[in-house]
Amino acid sequence: MGLVPSDLTSLGQRNSGFYEHRRSSVVLNLPGLEVFPGDLLVSDGAADYLCHPLLLLNSESKKPRWPFSKRGVGKDKHKHTSDLENCLSSVKITNFRGYDFYSLKDKTWDEVMETHHKLLTNQLDLRKQQEAVWELFTSECTYFLDHLLVLKMIFMNTLKYLQTHEYLLDVDLWRLFANLEELTQTSLGFVNSLFGIIKDYADASEISSSLDFISVLTKYFRGSLCQSHQTYCLNYSAAIFYLESLRQRDDFGIYLKWCEQNEQCRRLHLPELLVAPLQRLTRYPLLLKNIWKRSMDSAEKIMIYSIKEKVEKSIWDLEGKVKWLDNFQKFRYLQEIIVWPPLWDRDKRFFIPECLKHIFKEHTAENILSPTNRHLLYEGKLTLAESTRFLDVYLFLFSDFLLVTKTKRNKKKLGGSDPGLMCPSLTPELQAVIKEGGSCTVLDQPIPLDRLVVKSIEPLHVSVFGLRNAFLIQHENRYRQCIAAFLLQAQTENIKKTWMAQITTAISCFTKSQETKKISLFTLPAESSEI
């Protein structure tokens, strides 16, 4: 079956100038485009690769790839913005003044007693204790009304309302607000319970009646108050980082500006409100200590002190969880961005036939970066002096080895990683590399700290090569022979000193831990040595 001239022409057009003559044969997920028979459908990732400017080598490559797709984009964007603003104008925010305790948050203990015609106790110590409990109550009122309720009613509920009207559907409520609903309910219950015992005390006819607050403190501080704050705090750093990525969007910016202009925000911005639960959790022990200091009954003091210790332990546990979670997330991300080239690519001295390369692929080097085995102590960008050039390198100092990598930009990748998915604890330098679609390629094998020697280089020896703030890293084998050396240059003398100090400290700590392990092995029971 032969080809007609039109078929030959079409075939020639496809082969000679794919992007010049048949750009419509790559169909992307763009609004307003139609799919025609014979069009080539590709995935989003493949489309990013195919449409990269470096692959468009003809003279028209500098022109917009989809000129027809941009018709009416500005108009559609303006309409979307207008519709979003109209939707926001229909949002109704409930006034917070409906709570019974709203009018009490700015009053003193004396003012409340006078309002209820309650005579103040003549016992100075008891009166000071009551004032300390009152401080706990009023500060919780402020926390609930001016922070948690504002976050929930103005920011979170407004976002939910917009999403029901199909705006900002891709914004993840949990990533931004975590368990805010639970936190709000718990704080409200705590405020109402404290308000109840204060009201009962103020309404009581007996002057000698006491403020029964121990049961409330026990119920909430030994219950869900600390736990709900822990859950929120564990998500906080990721939420702030997620918020920063969302700020770059016009539609989210319109929503954020509308919320922050509400008078009930009291000129506080969203980041200042999101940090409130962290600040509140750390303040609880101080408020409890204040009550404990002003209590006279010994049994009461023991009870308050145990509650205070419970809260402090909760904060210590949280710090450990935050560090562990941060370390885990960071290592998981490092596993993705650190590239381990095979032996034959890393060192041209080694010849491995193609038929034998599968043997080496069985042992993946990514398992080296395991958060359960090691910690990242220090990291940063330096310059490596080679025989004919200077190379930008990025060093990772772990608790048991040093890793030297070179930063490499992936020219086949356009957009880099999604900032909202990036680990918040990554350094700005590393984030910049990742956003540009880069990676860190390992230059040499990891250098164990017990095989590492660091030496300062005097300017006199290297100034002729244009090196400043230089120091030397040596990798020695078990026979103390130098098998690799890296001549590194820092940006400043202080950065050089910091790097040398960090490496020296890491070596010292690693050596001590190894000696401890050896001692523990020698002190094992006799039967273990026979195994």
Protein backbone atom coordinates (compact mmCIF):
# COMPACT_ATOMS: atom_id res chain seq x y z
CA MET A 1 0.00 0.00 0.00
CA GLY A 2 1.64 3.29 -1.10
CA LEU A 3 1.73 6.68 0.48
CA VAL A 4 0.01 9.59 -1.23
CA PRO A 5 1.94 12.89 -1.52
CA SER A 6 -0.03 14.45 1.32
CA ASP A 7 1.02 11.59 3.58
CA LEU A 8 4.67 12.05 2.58
CA THR A 9 4.42 15.75 3.28
CA SER A 10 2.85 15.11 6.64
CA LEU A 11 5.50 12.53 7.51
CA GLY A 12 8.27 14.89 6.46
CA GLN A 13 6.80 17.62 8.59
CA ARG A 14 6.69 15.33 11.60
CA ASN A 15 10.31 14.22 11.23
CA SER A 16 12.01 17.44 10.14
CA GLY A 17 10.39 19.96 12.44
CA PHE A 18 8.35 18.40 15.20
CA TYR A 19 8.00 21.56 17.25
CA GLU A 20 8.07 23.90 14.21
CA HIS A 21 5.20 22.33 12.26
CA ARG A 22 3.39 19.97 14.66
CA ARG A 23 3.42 21.57 18.04
CA SER A 24 -0.25 20.71 18.39
CA SER A 25 0.67 17.02 18.43
CA VAL A 26 1.81 17.36 22.06
CA VAL A 27 -1.29 17.84 24.16
CA LEU A 28 -0.78 19.31 27.62
CA ASN A 29 -3.27 19.79 30.40
CA LEU A 30 -4.09 23.37 29.39
CA PRO A 31 -7.59 24.80 29.71
CA GLY A 32 -9.43 25.38 26.45
CA LEU A 33 -7.44 22.94 24.31
CA GLU A 34 -9.18 20.30 22.21
CA VAL A 35 -7.83 16.86 21.37
CA PHE A 36 -7.92 15.82 17.73
CA PRO A 37 -7.56 12.33 16.26
CA GLY A 38 -3.93 11.41 15.76
CA ASP A 39 -2.65 13.76 18.46
CA LEU A 40 0.05 12.39 20.72
CA LEU A 41 -0.92 12.28 24.41
CA VAL A 42 1.93 12.47 26.89
CA SER A 43 2.19 12.63 30.68
CA ASP A 44 2.87 15.90 32.51
CA GLY A 45 6.44 14.86 33.28
CA ALA A 46 7.18 13.93 29.69
CA ALA A 47 5.59 17.17 28.50
CA ASP A 48 7.91 19.15 30.77
CA TYR A 49 10.85 17.36 29.22
CA LEU A 50 9.66 17.70 25.61
CA CYS A 51 8.87 21.38 25.95
CA HIS A 52 12.19 22.34 27.56
CA PRO A 53 13.74 25.37 25.78
CA LEU A 54 17.07 23.56 25.36
CA LEU A 55 15.40 21.03 23.07
CA LEU A 56 13.88 23.67 20.82
CA LEU A 57 16.85 24.29 18.55
CA ASN A 58 15.12 25.93 15.59
CA SER A 59 14.88 29.67 15.05
CA GLU A 60 11.32 29.84 16.29
CA SER A 61 12.10 28.23 19.63
CA LYS A 62 12.17 31.57 21.39
CA LYS A 63 8.55 32.21 20.48
CA PRO A 64 5.80 31.20 22.93
CA ARG A 65 5.15 27.50 22.60
CA TRP A 66 1.41 27.89 22.85
CA PRO A 67 0.50 31.32 21.45
CA PHE A 68 -3.11 30.38 20.83
CA SER A 69 -3.58 29.09 24.39
CA LYS A 70 -2.92 32.53 25.91
CA ARG A 71 -5.88 34.19 24.25
CA GLY A 72 -8.13 35.50 26.95
CA VAL A 73 -5.85 34.36 29.81
CA GLY A 74 -5.66 37.85 31.30
CA LYS A 75 -9.39 38.27 30.98
CA ASP A 76 -10.09 34.87 32.58
CA LYS A 77 -7.67 35.64 35.41
CA HIS A 78 -9.37 38.97 36.10
CA LYS A 79 -12.77 37.27 36.11
CA HIS A 80 -11.51 34.57 38.50
CA THR A 81 -10.13 37.23 40.84
CA SER A 82 -13.38 39.17 40.70
CA ASP A 83 -15.45 36.04 41.40
CA LEU A 84 -13.19 35.14 44.35
CA GLU A 85 -13.58 38.61 45.84
CA ASN A 86 -17.35 38.43 45.39
CA CYS A 87 -17.40 35.08 47.16
CA LEU A 88 -15.37 36.50 50.04
CA SER A 89 -17.78 39.42 50.36
CA SER A 90 -20.56 36.92 51.09
CA VAL A 91 -18.69 35.37 54.05
CA LYS A 92 -20.27 36.11 57.43
CA ILE A 93 -18.01 36.11 60.51
CA THR A 94 -19.71 35.52 63.86
CA ASN A 95 -19.00 38.08 66.56
CA PHE A 96 -17.00 36.66 69.46
CA ARG A 97 -18.77 38.72 72.11
CA GLY A 98 -21.41 36.05 72.68
CA TYR A 99 -19.27 34.08 75.17
CA ASP A 100 -20.14 34.62 78.84
CA PHE A 101 -16.51 35.17 79.81
CA TYR A 102 -15.76 37.67 77.04
CA SER A 103 -16.18 40.71 79.27
CA LEU A 104 -13.89 39.27 82.00
CA LYS A 105 -10.64 38.80 80.09
CA ASP A 106 -9.46 42.40 80.65
CA LYS A 107 -10.62 42.77 84.27
CA THR A 108 -8.66 42.30 87.49
CA TRP A 109 -9.59 39.95 90.31
CA ASP A 110 -10.52 42.89 92.57
CA GLU A 111 -12.85 44.35 89.92
CA VAL A 112 -14.69 41.05 89.53
CA MET A 113 -15.14 40.68 93.29
CA GLU A 114 -16.48 44.22 93.55
CA THR A 115 -18.93 43.58 90.71
CA HIS A 116 -20.33 40.58 92.61
CA HIS A 117 -20.23 42.48 95.93
CA LYS A 118 -17.93 39.80 97.26
CA LEU A 119 -15.74 40.77 100.19
CA LEU A 120 -12.06 40.11 99.57
CA THR A 121 -10.45 37.65 101.97
CA ASN A 122 -8.26 39.06 104.72
CA GLN A 123 -5.74 36.24 104.20
CA LEU A 124 -3.06 37.77 102.00
CA ASP A 125 -1.61 34.41 100.88
CA LEU A 126 -5.03 33.07 99.84
CA ARG A 127 -5.78 36.27 97.99
CA LYS A 128 -2.49 36.02 96.07
CA GLN A 129 -3.31 32.43 95.14
CA GLN A 130 -6.73 33.51 93.85
CA GLU A 131 -5.07 36.22 91.75
CA ALA A 132 -2.66 33.64 90.30
CA VAL A 133 -5.60 31.39 89.32
CA TRP A 134 -7.31 34.44 87.85
CA GLU A 135 -4.22 35.15 85.73
CA LEU A 136 -4.38 31.59 84.37
CA PHE A 137 -8.06 32.07 83.53
CA THR A 138 -7.78 35.50 81.86
CA SER A 139 -4.72 34.50 79.84
CA GLU A 140 -6.58 31.39 78.62
CA CYS A 141 -9.53 33.61 77.67
CA THR A 142 -7.23 35.84 75.62
CA TYR A 143 -5.58 32.82 74.03
CA PHE A 144 -8.93 31.30 73.08
CA LEU A 145 -10.71 34.48 71.92
CA ASP A 146 -7.88 36.43 70.27
CA HIS A 147 -5.89 33.57 68.75
CA LEU A 148 -7.59 30.16 68.46
CA LEU A 149 -11.05 31.50 67.66
CA VAL A 150 -9.65 33.99 65.16
CA LEU A 151 -7.72 31.21 63.43
CA LYS A 152 -10.76 28.97 63.31
CA MET A 153 -13.60 31.40 62.53
CA ILE A 154 -11.81 33.85 60.24
CA PHE A 155 -9.08 31.85 58.53
CA MET A 156 -10.03 28.16 58.59
CA ASN A 157 -13.81 28.51 58.23
CA THR A 158 -13.41 31.08 55.46
CA LEU A 159 -11.11 28.70 53.59
CA LYS A 160 -13.66 25.90 54.03
CA TYR A 161 -16.38 28.21 52.69
CA LEU A 162 -14.28 29.06 49.63
CA GLN A 163 -13.58 25.40 48.97
CA THR A 164 -17.31 24.60 49.03
CA HIS A 165 -17.59 27.19 46.25
CA GLU A 166 -14.69 25.54 44.37
CA TYR A 167 -11.95 28.05 45.19
CA LEU A 168 -8.52 27.07 46.58
CA LEU A 169 -9.49 23.41 46.40
CA ASP A 170 -5.86 22.25 46.37
CA VAL A 171 -5.03 23.96 49.67
CA ASP A 172 -4.63 21.30 52.37
CA LEU A 173 -6.43 22.38 55.54
CA TRP A 174 -4.54 19.93 57.77
CA ARG A 175 -1.12 21.00 56.53
CA LEU A 176 -1.98 24.59 57.36
CA PHE A 177 -4.07 24.32 60.56
CA ALA A 178 -3.45 20.74 61.80
CA ASN A 179 -5.80 19.84 64.70
CA LEU A 180 -7.00 23.42 65.29
CA GLU A 181 -10.60 22.23 65.74
CA GLU A 182 -9.60 19.90 68.59
CA LEU A 183 -7.36 22.56 70.13
CA THR A 184 -10.18 25.13 70.09
CA GLN A 185 -12.67 22.75 71.70
CA THR A 186 -10.20 21.73 74.41
CA SER A 187 -9.31 25.33 75.26
CA LEU A 188 -12.99 26.31 75.33
CA GLY A 189 -13.74 23.48 77.74
CA PHE A 190 -10.84 24.56 79.96
CA VAL A 191 -12.00 28.21 79.98
CA ASN A 192 -15.60 27.26 80.73
CA SER A 193 -14.52 24.99 83.61
CA LEU A 194 -12.38 27.72 85.17
CA PHE A 195 -15.18 30.23 84.60
CA GLY A 196 -17.61 27.90 86.34
CA ILE A 197 -15.59 27.57 89.56
CA ILE A 198 -14.87 31.32 89.64
CA LYS A 199 -18.57 32.08 89.18
CA ASP A 200 -19.51 29.61 91.93
CA TYR A 201 -16.99 31.24 94.25
CA ALA A 202 -18.22 34.76 93.46
CA ASP A 203 -21.89 33.77 93.93
CA ALA A 204 -21.26 31.93 97.21
CA SER A 205 -22.55 33.70 100.29
CA GLU A 206 -19.83 32.47 102.63
CA ILE A 207 -16.73 34.64 102.79
CA SER A 208 -14.54 31.68 103.67
CA SER A 209 -15.49 29.57 100.65
CA SER A 210 -12.47 28.40 98.66
CA LEU A 211 -11.72 28.44 94.96
CA ASP A 212 -11.88 24.76 93.96
CA PHE A 213 -9.48 24.82 91.01
CA ILE A 214 -7.39 21.66 91.62
CA SER A 215 -9.94 19.34 90.01
CA VAL A 216 -10.04 21.47 86.85
CA LEU A 217 -6.25 21.61 86.57
CA THR A 218 -5.97 17.87 87.06
CA LYS A 219 -8.67 17.09 84.50
CA TYR A 220 -7.22 19.18 81.68
CA PHE A 221 -3.47 19.10 82.25
CA ARG A 222 -3.49 15.36 82.82
CA GLY A 223 -5.99 14.98 79.99
CA SER A 224 -6.17 16.29 76.45
CA LEU A 225 -4.79 19.84 76.85
CA CYS A 226 -1.11 18.95 76.53
CA GLN A 227 -1.68 16.16 74.02
CA SER A 228 -3.65 18.37 71.63
CA HIS A 229 -0.94 21.04 71.84
CA GLN A 230 1.73 18.43 71.10
CA THR A 231 -0.09 17.30 67.97
CA TYR A 232 -0.38 20.89 66.75
CA CYS A 233 3.22 21.79 67.53
CA LEU A 234 4.58 18.79 65.64
CA ASN A 235 3.00 20.17 62.48
CA TYR A 236 3.94 23.83 63.07
CA SER A 237 7.24 24.12 61.16
CA ALA A 238 5.77 22.32 58.14
CA ALA A 239 2.69 24.58 58.29
CA ILE A 240 4.81 27.76 58.22
CA PHE A 241 6.81 26.46 55.28
CA TYR A 242 3.63 25.47 53.48
CA LEU A 243 2.19 28.93 54.11
CA GLU A 244 5.25 30.58 52.55
CA SER A 245 4.78 28.51 49.40
CA LEU A 246 1.07 29.42 49.23
CA ARG A 247 1.81 33.15 49.54
CA GLN A 248 3.24 33.11 46.02
CA ARG A 249 -0.22 32.48 44.60
CA ASP A 250 -2.50 35.39 43.69
CA ASP A 251 -5.73 33.66 44.74
CA PHE A 252 -4.35 32.66 48.15
CA GLY A 253 -2.97 36.18 48.59
CA ILE A 254 -6.46 37.64 48.05
CA TYR A 255 -7.92 35.26 50.65
CA LEU A 256 -5.12 35.99 53.13
CA LYS A 257 -5.41 39.77 52.76
CA TRP A 258 -9.19 39.62 53.23
CA CYS A 259 -8.85 37.59 56.44
CA GLU A 260 -6.06 39.69 57.95
CA GLN A 261 -8.02 42.90 57.38
CA ASN A 262 -10.78 41.69 59.68
CA GLU A 263 -10.89 43.87 62.81
CA GLN A 264 -11.01 40.82 65.08
CA CYS A 265 -7.47 39.92 63.94
CA ARG A 266 -6.25 43.00 65.83
CA ARG A 267 -3.62 43.62 63.12
CA LEU A 268 -2.10 40.19 63.69
CA HIS A 269 -1.00 38.29 60.60
CA LEU A 270 -1.49 34.56 60.05
CA PRO A 271 2.10 33.53 61.01
CA GLU A 272 1.75 35.42 64.33
CA LEU A 273 -1.51 33.58 65.03
CA LEU A 274 -0.20 30.16 64.04
CA VAL A 275 2.64 30.36 66.57
CA ALA A 276 0.28 31.11 69.50
CA PRO A 277 -0.25 27.45 70.60
CA LEU A 278 3.53 26.93 70.87
CA GLN A 279 3.87 30.03 73.03
CA ARG A 280 0.89 29.03 75.15
CA LEU A 281 2.20 25.52 75.84
CA THR A 282 5.54 26.87 77.09
CA ARG A 283 3.76 29.41 79.31
CA TYR A 284 1.63 26.87 81.20
CA PRO A 285 4.47 25.77 83.55
CA LEU A 286 5.13 29.42 84.52
CA LEU A 287 1.46 30.03 85.35
CA LEU A 288 1.27 26.79 87.35
CA LYS A 289 4.47 27.65 89.20
CA ASN A 290 2.95 31.01 90.13
CA ILE A 291 -0.08 29.26 91.65
CA TRP A 292 2.17 26.74 93.43
CA LYS A 293 4.29 29.50 95.03
CA ARG A 294 1.16 31.19 96.43
CA SER A 295 -0.46 28.03 97.81
CA MET A 296 -0.15 27.33 101.53
CA ASP A 297 -1.77 23.92 101.90
CA SER A 298 0.93 21.23 101.64
CA ALA A 299 -1.31 18.64 99.90
CA GLU A 300 -2.41 21.28 97.44
CA LYS A 301 1.18 22.30 96.74
CA ILE A 302 2.19 18.70 96.02
CA MET A 303 -0.71 18.29 93.61
CA ILE A 304 0.05 21.54 91.73
CA TYR A 305 3.75 20.71 91.55
CA SER A 306 3.05 17.28 90.07
CA ILE A 307 0.78 18.88 87.43
CA LYS A 308 3.52 21.39 86.60
CA GLU A 309 6.04 18.57 86.20
CA LYS A 310 3.59 16.71 83.94
CA VAL A 311 3.36 19.75 81.64
CA GLU A 312 7.14 20.25 81.62
CA LYS A 313 7.64 16.57 80.74
CA SER A 314 5.16 17.00 77.92
CA ILE A 315 7.23 19.91 76.56
CA TRP A 316 10.47 17.89 76.84
CA ASP A 317 8.83 14.98 75.03
CA LEU A 318 7.64 17.38 72.35
CA GLU A 319 11.14 18.75 71.83
CA GLY A 320 12.43 15.20 71.38
CA LYS A 321 9.61 14.36 68.94
CA VAL A 322 10.16 17.55 66.96
CA LYS A 323 13.90 16.84 66.66
CA TRP A 324 13.26 13.22 65.68
CA LEU A 325 10.59 14.15 63.13
CA ASP A 326 12.72 16.95 61.71
CA ASN A 327 15.70 14.61 61.42
CA PHE A 328 13.58 11.88 59.81
CA GLN A 329 12.04 14.25 57.23
CA LYS A 330 15.39 15.80 56.42
CA PHE A 331 17.08 12.44 55.85
CA ARG A 332 14.21 11.27 53.69
CA TYR A 333 14.61 14.36 51.54
CA LEU A 334 18.41 14.00 51.42
CA GLN A 335 17.97 10.48 50.10
CA GLU A 336 16.14 11.98 47.12
CA ILE A 337 18.53 14.83 46.28
CA ILE A 338 21.91 13.16 46.92
CA VAL A 339 23.01 11.23 43.83
CA TRP A 340 25.43 8.31 44.24
CA PRO A 341 27.19 7.70 40.91
CA PRO A 342 28.39 4.14 40.25
CA LEU A 343 32.04 3.26 40.73
CA TRP A 344 32.90 3.40 37.00
CA ASP A 345 31.50 6.94 36.72
CA ARG A 346 33.06 8.20 39.93
CA ASP A 347 36.59 6.96 39.15
CA LYS A 348 37.71 6.34 35.56
CA ARG A 349 40.57 4.13 36.74
CA PHE A 350 38.17 1.26 37.28
CA PHE A 351 36.97 -0.66 34.24
CA ILE A 352 33.78 -2.65 34.71
CA PRO A 353 32.41 -4.48 31.66
CA GLU A 354 28.77 -3.88 30.91
CA CYS A 355 27.94 -7.52 31.61
CA LEU A 356 29.21 -7.19 35.20
CA LYS A 357 27.66 -3.86 36.17
CA HIS A 358 24.50 -5.53 37.48
CA ILE A 359 26.55 -7.00 40.34
CA PHE A 360 27.27 -3.54 41.73
CA LYS A 361 23.71 -2.30 41.33
CA GLU A 362 22.48 -4.79 43.91
CA HIS A 363 24.01 -2.77 46.75
CA THR A 364 22.28 0.60 46.87
CA ALA A 365 24.23 3.37 48.54
CA GLU A 366 21.08 5.29 49.53
CA ASN A 367 20.72 3.08 52.60
CA ILE A 368 23.75 4.85 54.04
CA LEU A 369 21.54 7.85 54.74
CA SER A 370 19.41 6.28 57.44
CA PRO A 371 18.05 8.58 60.18
CA THR A 372 18.09 5.72 62.69
CA ASN A 373 21.86 5.28 62.45
CA ARG A 374 23.23 8.82 62.29
CA HIS A 375 22.58 12.53 62.66
CA LEU A 376 23.43 15.45 60.42
CA LEU A 377 25.64 17.75 62.49
CA TYR A 378 26.64 20.45 60.03
CA GLU A 379 26.40 21.30 56.34
CA GLY A 380 27.26 24.05 53.93
CA LYS A 381 28.67 25.26 50.65
CA LEU A 382 32.45 25.48 50.05
CA THR A 383 34.82 25.69 47.09
CA LEU A 384 37.03 22.78 46.08
CA ALA A 385 40.35 23.55 44.41
CA GLU A 386 41.12 21.16 41.56
CA SER A 387 44.14 21.12 39.25
CA THR A 388 42.55 23.29 36.56
CA ARG A 389 39.43 24.81 38.12
CA PHE A 390 37.45 25.69 41.20
CA LEU A 391 34.37 23.59 41.90
CA ASP A 392 31.34 24.49 44.02
CA VAL A 393 30.83 21.69 46.53
CA TYR A 394 28.35 21.02 49.32
CA LEU A 395 29.56 19.16 52.42
CA PHE A 396 27.45 17.09 54.80
CA LEU A 397 29.02 16.36 58.19
CA PHE A 398 27.24 13.41 59.80
CA SER A 399 27.85 11.94 63.24
CA ASP A 400 30.10 9.23 61.77
CA PHE A 401 31.31 10.39 58.34
CA LEU A 402 31.85 13.37 56.04
CA LEU A 403 30.30 13.46 52.58
CA VAL A 404 31.66 15.71 49.83
CA THR A 405 29.24 16.42 46.97
CA LYS A 406 29.15 18.78 44.02
CA THR A 407 26.04 20.78 43.28
CA LYS A 408 24.64 20.00 39.87
CA ARG A 409 21.76 21.63 38.03
CA ASN A 410 19.47 19.30 36.17
CA LYS A 411 19.04 20.96 32.77
CA LYS A 412 16.23 18.60 31.85
CA LYS A 413 14.09 19.80 34.72
CA LEU A 414 12.25 23.09 34.55
CA GLY A 415 10.52 23.82 37.78
CA GLY A 416 12.40 22.03 40.55
CA SER A 417 10.60 20.60 43.55
CA ASP A 418 7.34 21.91 44.88
CA PRO A 419 8.26 24.38 47.67
CA GLY A 420 5.23 23.28 49.65
CA LEU A 421 6.57 19.73 49.75
CA MET A 422 10.11 20.71 50.67
CA CYS A 423 11.53 19.95 54.10
CA PRO A 424 11.47 23.17 56.19
CA SER A 425 14.78 22.42 57.90
CA LEU A 426 16.82 22.37 54.69
CA THR A 427 19.30 25.23 54.48
CA PRO A 428 18.52 28.16 52.13
CA GLU A 429 21.52 27.18 49.96
CA LEU A 430 20.21 23.64 49.52
CA GLN A 431 16.67 24.86 48.92
CA ALA A 432 17.94 27.17 46.16
CA VAL A 433 19.68 24.24 44.44
CA ILE A 434 16.55 22.08 44.67
CA LYS A 435 14.21 24.80 43.39
CA GLU A 436 16.40 25.11 40.32
CA GLY A 437 16.01 21.38 39.71
CA GLY A 438 19.47 20.57 41.03
CA SER A 439 21.00 17.75 43.00
CA CYS A 440 24.12 16.91 45.00
CA THR A 441 26.35 14.34 43.31
CA VAL A 442 28.77 12.45 45.57
CA LEU A 443 32.38 13.13 44.55
CA ASP A 444 34.06 10.35 46.53
CA GLN A 445 33.24 7.66 49.05
CA PRO A 446 32.10 8.82 52.52
CA ILE A 447 35.03 9.64 54.79
CA PRO A 448 34.67 7.92 58.21
CA LEU A 449 35.46 10.32 61.03
CA ASP A 450 38.08 7.99 62.50
CA ARG A 451 39.85 8.10 59.12
CA LEU A 452 39.58 11.86 58.64
CA VAL A 453 42.31 14.45 59.24
CA VAL A 454 41.64 18.19 58.99
CA LYS A 455 44.49 20.70 58.65
CA SER A 456 44.55 24.46 58.38
CA ILE A 457 46.49 25.87 55.40
CA GLU A 458 48.51 29.04 55.89
CA PRO A 459 47.79 31.78 53.30
CA LEU A 460 51.51 31.93 52.45
CA HIS A 461 51.38 28.44 50.90
CA VAL A 462 48.33 28.88 48.68
CA SER A 463 48.04 32.62 47.97
CA VAL A 464 49.88 32.11 44.69
CA PHE A 465 46.96 29.95 43.53
CA GLY A 466 44.40 32.61 44.50
CA LEU A 467 43.18 30.61 47.50
CA ARG A 468 42.01 32.26 50.71
CA ASN A 469 40.62 30.80 53.95
CA ALA A 470 41.78 27.33 52.87
CA PHE A 471 41.92 24.06 54.80
CA LEU A 472 42.71 20.47 53.89
CA ILE A 473 40.65 17.32 54.37
CA GLN A 474 42.58 14.03 54.24
CA HIS A 475 41.05 10.57 53.95
CA GLU A 476 43.31 7.88 55.40
CA ASN A 477 42.90 4.12 55.16
CA ARG A 478 43.33 1.68 58.07
CA TYR A 479 47.11 1.74 57.51
CA ARG A 480 47.18 5.53 57.89
CA GLN A 481 47.96 6.07 54.24
CA CYS A 482 46.33 9.06 52.56
CA ILE A 483 43.99 7.82 49.82
CA ALA A 484 42.17 11.09 49.08
CA ALA A 485 42.63 14.80 49.78
CA PHE A 486 40.35 17.82 49.35
CA LEU A 487 41.72 21.37 49.36
CA LEU A 488 38.74 23.48 50.37
CA GLN A 489 38.17 27.22 50.47
CA ALA A 490 35.63 28.99 52.67
CA GLN A 491 34.03 32.35 51.92
CA THR A 492 35.42 33.93 55.09
CA GLU A 493 37.94 33.12 57.80
CA ASN A 494 35.13 32.71 60.34
CA ILE A 495 33.38 30.13 58.15
CA LYS A 496 36.67 28.24 57.81
CA LYS A 497 37.17 28.22 61.61
CA THR A 498 33.58 27.08 62.14
CA TRP A 499 34.00 24.17 59.72
CA MET A 500 37.27 23.07 61.31
CA ALA A 501 35.79 23.31 64.80
CA GLN A 502 32.69 21.32 63.79
CA ILE A 503 34.76 18.58 62.18
CA THR A 504 37.18 18.39 65.13
CA THR A 505 34.32 18.15 67.62
CA ALA A 506 32.57 15.49 65.54
CA ILE A 507 35.76 13.42 65.35
CA SER A 508 36.22 13.68 69.12
CA CYS A 509 32.63 12.62 69.86
CA PHE A 510 32.78 9.74 67.39
CA THR A 511 36.09 8.49 68.84
CA LYS A 512 34.66 8.55 72.37
CA SER A 513 31.54 6.64 71.30
CA GLN A 514 33.68 3.99 69.60
CA GLU A 515 35.83 3.59 72.72
CA THR A 516 32.69 3.22 74.83
CA LYS A 517 31.43 0.47 72.53
CA LYS A 518 34.76 -1.36 72.79
CA ILE A 519 34.70 -1.19 76.59
CA SER A 520 31.13 -2.54 76.66
CA LEU A 521 32.20 -5.45 74.44
CA PHE A 522 35.05 -6.36 76.79
CA THR A 523 32.73 -6.29 79.81
CA LEU A 524 30.20 -8.76 78.35
CA PRO A 525 29.65 -12.09 80.17
CA ALA A 526 32.20 -14.84 79.48
CA GLU A 527 29.81 -16.97 77.44
CA SER A 528 29.32 -14.21 74.88
CA SER A 529 33.03 -14.36 73.95
CA GLU A 530 32.61 -17.97 72.90
CA ILE A 531 29.94 -17.13 70.31
